[in-house]
C-alpha cells in the first residue's frame, strides 16, 4: 500500500499546485477540511509536538525504518520511533508545504510530493459514508521518509 501511495504521488509531482485549490476531476469535496487538518499537522510539526502528532495518526501507521517498510502499531511505538519517522527531511517537507500544495484523490491527501498522507477514518461498519460530512476525523495514514526529494529538503540540508 505504501508503494501504491508513492505511485500516486508521482502523478502529483507534475502539478505545481494541489488539486484542493486548483480543481481537477479527482478533486474531493472534503478538500477544505483536509487543508484545515494539514494546517494543524504543520503547526504540530513546527512545534515539535510529538504527543499532538501521535494523536493525529491512524494506527498502524505505514512508514519506513532503517530502509525497511514497517507499521508503527500504537502511540508508544510512534513516540519511540518519532525521529526515525519524522526525519529532518520529512519535517522540512511539511514545514515548506503550503495549504495550496494539498493534493488528494481516492487514496487520501498529501503534501511534499507524497511525503505524508492523511485521510478521513471512516469505520468499516458505516454504510454509504459521505466523506465530506465532517463526521469522521482526518488522520495521518502514511509517512514516506525514504528518498525524500522535495526542493530545499536534502539529507545534507534539512
C-alpha atoms as a PDB file:
ATOM      1  CA  UNK A   1       0.000   0.000   0.000  1.00  0.00           C
ATOM      2  CA  UNK A   2       2.893   2.379   0.782  1.00  0.00           C
ATOM      3  CA  UNK A   3       4.260   1.701  -2.687  1.00  0.00           C
ATOM      4  CA  UNK A   4       0.841   2.361  -4.228  1.00  0.00           C
ATOM      5  CA  UNK A   5       0.608   5.674  -2.424  1.00  0.00           C
ATOM      6  CA  UNK A   6       4.094   6.507  -3.690  1.00  0.00           C
ATOM      7  CA  UNK A   7       2.979   5.787  -7.251  1.00  0.00           C
ATOM      8  CA  UNK A   8       0.030   8.143  -6.905  1.00  0.00           C
ATOM      9  CA  UNK A   9       2.375  10.763  -5.533  1.00  0.00           C
ATOM     10  CA  UNK A  10       4.232  10.645  -8.851  1.00  0.00           C
ATOM     11  CA  UNK A  11       1.069  11.878 -10.570  1.00  0.00           C
ATOM     12  CA  UNK A  12       1.007  14.848  -8.227  1.00  0.00           C
ATOM     13  CA  UNK A  13       4.639  15.699  -8.974  1.00  0.00           C
ATOM     14  CA  UNK A  14       3.648  17.053 -12.359  1.00  0.00           C
ATOM     15  CA  UNK A  15       1.376  19.606 -10.700  1.00  0.00           C
ATOM     16  CA  UNK A  16       2.705  22.904  -9.372  1.00  0.00           C
ATOM     17  CA  UNK A  17      -0.291  23.350  -7.098  1.00  0.00           C
ATOM     18  CA  UNK A  18      -2.506  20.912  -5.222  1.00  0.00           C
ATOM     19  CA  UNK A  19      -5.883  19.983  -6.627  1.00  0.00           C
ATOM     20  CA  UNK A  20      -7.656  21.182  -3.488  1.00  0.00           C
ATOM     21  CA  UNK A  21      -7.162  24.781  -4.568  1.00  0.00           C
ATOM     22  CA  UNK A  22      -6.819  24.204  -8.310  1.00  0.00           C
ATOM     23  CA  UNK A  23      -9.666  21.793  -9.046  1.00  0.00           C
ATOM     24  CA  UNK A  24      -9.409  18.845 -11.416  1.00  0.00           C
ATOM     25  CA  UNK A  25     -11.613  15.752 -11.959  1.00  0.00           C
ATOM     26  CA  UNK A  26     -10.135  13.948  -8.933  1.00  0.00           C
ATOM     27  CA  UNK A  27     -10.672  16.843  -6.505  1.00  0.00           C
ATOM     28  CA  UNK A  28     -12.557  15.648  -3.448  1.00  0.00           C
ATOM     29  CA  UNK A  29     -15.418  17.535  -1.787  1.00  0.00           C
ATOM     30  CA  UNK A  30     -13.687  17.307   1.609  1.00  0.00           C
ATOM     31  CA  UNK A  31     -10.651  19.332   0.440  1.00  0.00           C
ATOM     32  CA  UNK A  32     -11.413  22.321   2.721  1.00  0.00           C
ATOM     33  CA  UNK A  33     -11.365  20.046   5.784  1.00  0.00           C
ATOM     34  CA  UNK A  34      -8.190  18.336   4.536  1.00  0.00           C
ATOM     35  CA  UNK A  35      -6.499  21.734   4.302  1.00  0.00           C
ATOM     36  CA  UNK A  36      -7.543  22.576   7.881  1.00  0.00           C
ATOM     37  CA  UNK A  37      -6.095  19.227   9.032  1.00  0.00           C
ATOM     38  CA  UNK A  38      -2.861  19.943   7.150  1.00  0.00           C
ATOM     39  CA  UNK A  39      -2.528  23.315   8.875  1.00  0.00           C
ATOM     40  CA  UNK A  40      -2.900  21.630  12.292  1.00  0.00           C
ATOM     41  CA  UNK A  41      -0.384  18.976  11.243  1.00  0.00           C
ATOM     42  CA  UNK A  42       2.064  21.617  10.071  1.00  0.00           C
ATOM     43  CA  UNK A  43       1.689  23.567  13.332  1.00  0.00           C
ATOM     44  CA  UNK A  44       2.400  20.414  15.364  1.00  0.00           C
ATOM     45  CA  UNK A  45       5.442  19.558  13.215  1.00  0.00           C
ATOM     46  CA  UNK A  46       6.850  23.094  13.517  1.00  0.00           C
ATOM     47  CA  UNK A  47       6.360  22.988  17.299  1.00  0.00           C
ATOM     48  CA  UNK A  48       7.903  19.508  17.569  1.00  0.00           C
ATOM     49  CA  UNK A  49       4.749  18.443  19.426  1.00  0.00           C
ATOM     50  CA  UNK A  50       5.148  14.655  19.345  1.00  0.00           C
ATOM     51  CA  UNK A  51       2.096  13.990  21.505  1.00  0.00           C
ATOM     52  CA  UNK A  52      -0.116  16.119  19.250  1.00  0.00           C
ATOM     53  CA  UNK A  53       1.247  14.342  16.167  1.00  0.00           C
ATOM     54  CA  UNK A  54       0.659  10.944  17.790  1.00  0.00           C
ATOM     55  CA  UNK A  55      -2.972  11.937  18.359  1.00  0.00           C
ATOM     56  CA  UNK A  56      -3.238  12.719  14.628  1.00  0.00           C
ATOM     57  CA  UNK A  57      -2.099   9.246  13.494  1.00  0.00           C
ATOM     58  CA  UNK A  58      -4.278   6.341  12.441  1.00  0.00           C
ATOM     59  CA  UNK A  59      -2.504   3.247  13.748  1.00  0.00           C
ATOM     60  CA  UNK A  60      -0.956   1.204  12.350  1.00  0.00           C
ATOM     61  CA  UNK A  61       0.998   3.945  10.579  1.00  0.00           C
ATOM     62  CA  UNK A  62       2.742   2.885   7.364  1.00  0.00           C
ATOM     63  CA  UNK A  63       6.327   4.146   7.180  1.00  0.00           C
ATOM     64  CA  UNK A  64       9.955   3.016   6.927  1.00  0.00           C
ATOM     65  CA  UNK A  65      12.718   2.454   9.438  1.00  0.00           C
ATOM     66  CA  UNK A  66      16.300   1.592   8.532  1.00  0.00           C
ATOM     67  CA  UNK A  67      15.298   1.086   4.904  1.00  0.00           C
ATOM     68  CA  UNK A  68      12.536  -1.409   5.732  1.00  0.00           C
ATOM     69  CA  UNK A  69       8.789  -0.847   5.416  1.00  0.00           C
ATOM     70  CA  UNK A  70       7.174  -1.069   8.828  1.00  0.00           C
ATOM     71  CA  UNK A  71       3.927  -0.390  10.604  1.00  0.00           C
ATOM     72  CA  UNK A  72       4.001   1.653  13.766  1.00  0.00           C
ATOM     73  CA  UNK A  73       1.269  -0.069  15.768  1.00  0.00           C
ATOM     74  CA  UNK A  74       0.500   2.352  18.589  1.00  0.00           C
ATOM     75  CA  UNK A  75       1.112   5.680  20.304  1.00  0.00           C
ATOM     76  CA  UNK A  76       4.059   4.345  22.363  1.00  0.00           C
ATOM     77  CA  UNK A  77       5.860   2.899  19.313  1.00  0.00           C
ATOM     78  CA  UNK A  78       5.270   6.170  17.482  1.00  0.00           C
ATOM     79  CA  UNK A  79       6.840   8.239  20.247  1.00  0.00           C
ATOM     80  CA  UNK A  80       9.822   5.847  20.449  1.00  0.00           C
ATOM     81  CA  UNK A  81      10.349   5.908  16.671  1.00  0.00           C
ATOM     82  CA  UNK A  82       9.467   9.582  16.154  1.00  0.00           C
ATOM     83  CA  UNK A  83      12.911  10.718  14.970  1.00  0.00           C
ATOM     84  CA  UNK A  84      13.112   7.814  12.513  1.00  0.00           C
ATOM     85  CA  UNK A  85       9.627   8.537  11.125  1.00  0.00           C
ATOM     86  CA  UNK A  86       9.740  12.324  11.128  1.00  0.00           C
ATOM     87  CA  UNK A  87      13.250  12.694   9.768  1.00  0.00           C
ATOM     88  CA  UNK A  88      14.700  16.178   9.204  1.00  0.00           C
ATOM     89  CA  UNK A  89      13.762  15.840   5.526  1.00  0.00           C
ATOM     90  CA  UNK A  90      10.136  14.942   6.328  1.00  0.00           C
ATOM     91  CA  UNK A  91       9.932  17.828   8.777  1.00  0.00           C
ATOM     92  CA  UNK A  92      11.396  20.172   6.160  1.00  0.00           C
ATOM     93  CA  UNK A  93       8.909  18.978   3.519  1.00  0.00           C
ATOM     94  CA  UNK A  94       5.928  19.513   5.838  1.00  0.00           C
ATOM     95  CA  UNK A  95       7.184  22.905   7.011  1.00  0.00           C
ATOM     96  CA  UNK A  96       7.856  24.028   3.416  1.00  0.00           C
ATOM     97  CA  UNK A  97       4.423  22.991   2.111  1.00  0.00           C
ATOM     98  CA  UNK A  98       1.625  25.490   1.714  1.00  0.00           C
ATOM     99  CA  UNK A  99      -2.119  24.864   2.001  1.00  0.00           C
ATOM    100  CA  UNK A 100      -2.270  25.353  -1.769  1.00  0.00           C
ATOM    101  CA  UNK A 101       0.008  22.283  -2.114  1.00  0.00           C
ATOM    102  CA  UNK A 102      -2.588  19.894  -0.637  1.00  0.00           C
ATOM    103  CA  UNK A 103      -3.467  17.275  -3.237  1.00  0.00           C
ATOM    104  CA  UNK A 104      -5.998  14.476  -2.892  1.00  0.00           C
ATOM    105  CA  UNK A 105      -7.635  11.573  -4.636  1.00  0.00           C
ATOM    106  CA  UNK A 106      -9.417   8.386  -3.583  1.00  0.00           C
ATOM    107  CA  UNK A 107      -6.216   7.286  -1.762  1.00  0.00           C
ATOM    108  CA  UNK A 108      -6.219  10.292   0.562  1.00  0.00           C
ATOM    109  CA  UNK A 109      -4.478  13.656   0.742  1.00  0.00           C
ATOM    110  CA  UNK A 110      -0.802  14.510   0.617  1.00  0.00           C
ATOM    111  CA  UNK A 111       1.815  17.243   0.503  1.00  0.00           C
ATOM    112  CA  UNK A 112       5.558  17.245  -0.056  1.00  0.00           C
ATOM    113  CA  UNK A 113       5.371  15.102  -3.175  1.00  0.00           C
ATOM    114  CA  UNK A 114       3.804  12.278  -1.166  1.00  0.00           C
ATOM    115  CA  UNK A 115       5.994  12.529   1.927  1.00  0.00           C
ATOM    116  CA  UNK A 116       2.943  12.465   4.187  1.00  0.00           C
ATOM    117  CA  UNK A 117      -0.576  11.149   3.514  1.00  0.00           C
ATOM    118  CA  UNK A 118      -3.793  11.545   5.528  1.00  0.00           C
ATOM    119  CA  UNK A 119      -7.465  10.794   5.077  1.00  0.00           C
ATOM    120  CA  UNK A 120     -10.770  10.628   6.914  1.00  0.00           C
ATOM    121  CA  UNK A 121     -11.030   7.483   9.006  1.00  0.00           C
ATOM    122  CA  UNK A 122     -14.469   6.036   8.408  1.00  0.00           C
ATOM    123  CA  UNK A 123     -15.462   2.932  10.389  1.00  0.00           C
ATOM    124  CA  UNK A 124     -15.974  -0.190   8.263  1.00  0.00           C
ATOM    125  CA  UNK A 125     -19.452  -0.574   9.745  1.00  0.00           C
ATOM    126  CA  UNK A 126     -20.645   2.678   8.133  1.00  0.00           C
ATOM    127  CA  UNK A 127     -22.704   2.028   5.013  1.00  0.00           C
ATOM    128  CA  UNK A 128     -22.511   4.616   2.204  1.00  0.00           C
ATOM    129  CA  UNK A 129     -20.306   7.101   4.054  1.00  0.00           C
ATOM    130  CA  UNK A 130     -20.264  10.709   2.942  1.00  0.00           C
ATOM    131  CA  UNK A 131     -16.581  11.742   3.072  1.00  0.00           C
ATOM    132  CA  UNK A 132     -17.416  15.445   3.047  1.00  0.00           C
ATOM    133  CA  UNK A 133     -19.777  15.236   6.013  1.00  0.00           C
ATOM    134  CA  UNK A 134     -17.172  16.248   8.604  1.00  0.00           C
ATOM    135  CA  UNK A 135     -18.317  13.412  10.870  1.00  0.00           C
ATOM    136  CA  UNK A 136     -15.128  11.410  10.556  1.00  0.00           C
ATOM    137  CA  UNK A 137     -11.705  12.598  11.725  1.00  0.00           C
ATOM    138  CA  UNK A 138      -8.736  13.038   9.453  1.00  0.00           C
ATOM    139  CA  UNK A 139      -5.677  11.038  10.498  1.00  0.00           C
ATOM    140  CA  UNK A 140      -2.170  10.528   9.137  1.00  0.00           C
ATOM    141  CA  UNK A 141      -2.053   7.182   7.317  1.00  0.00           C
ATOM    142  CA  UNK A 142       1.499   7.087   5.881  1.00  0.00           C
ATOM    143  CA  UNK A 143       4.856   8.833   6.145  1.00  0.00           C
ATOM    144  CA  UNK A 144       7.134   8.151   3.180  1.00  0.00           C
ATOM    145  CA  UNK A 145      10.505   9.033   4.683  1.00  0.00           C
ATOM    146  CA  UNK A 146      12.767   7.209   2.218  1.00  0.00           C
ATOM    147  CA  UNK A 147      14.496   9.207  -0.511  1.00  0.00           C
ATOM    148  CA  UNK A 148      12.661  12.442   0.256  1.00  0.00           C
ATOM    149  CA  UNK A 149      13.027  14.576  -2.837  1.00  0.00           C
ATOM    150  CA  UNK A 150      11.498  17.945  -2.076  1.00  0.00           C
ATOM    151  CA  UNK A 151      13.290  21.080  -3.281  1.00  0.00           C
ATOM    152  CA  UNK A 152      15.308  22.554  -0.412  1.00  0.00           C
ATOM    153  CA  UNK A 153      14.972  19.427   1.736  1.00  0.00           C
ATOM    154  CA  UNK A 154      18.072  17.295   1.234  1.00  0.00           C
ATOM    155  CA  UNK A 155      19.889  14.901   3.545  1.00  0.00           C
ATOM    156  CA  UNK A 156      22.685  17.463   3.919  1.00  0.00           C
ATOM    157  CA  UNK A 157      20.390  20.471   4.315  1.00  0.00           C
ATOM    158  CA  UNK A 158      17.130  19.714   6.148  1.00  0.00           C
END
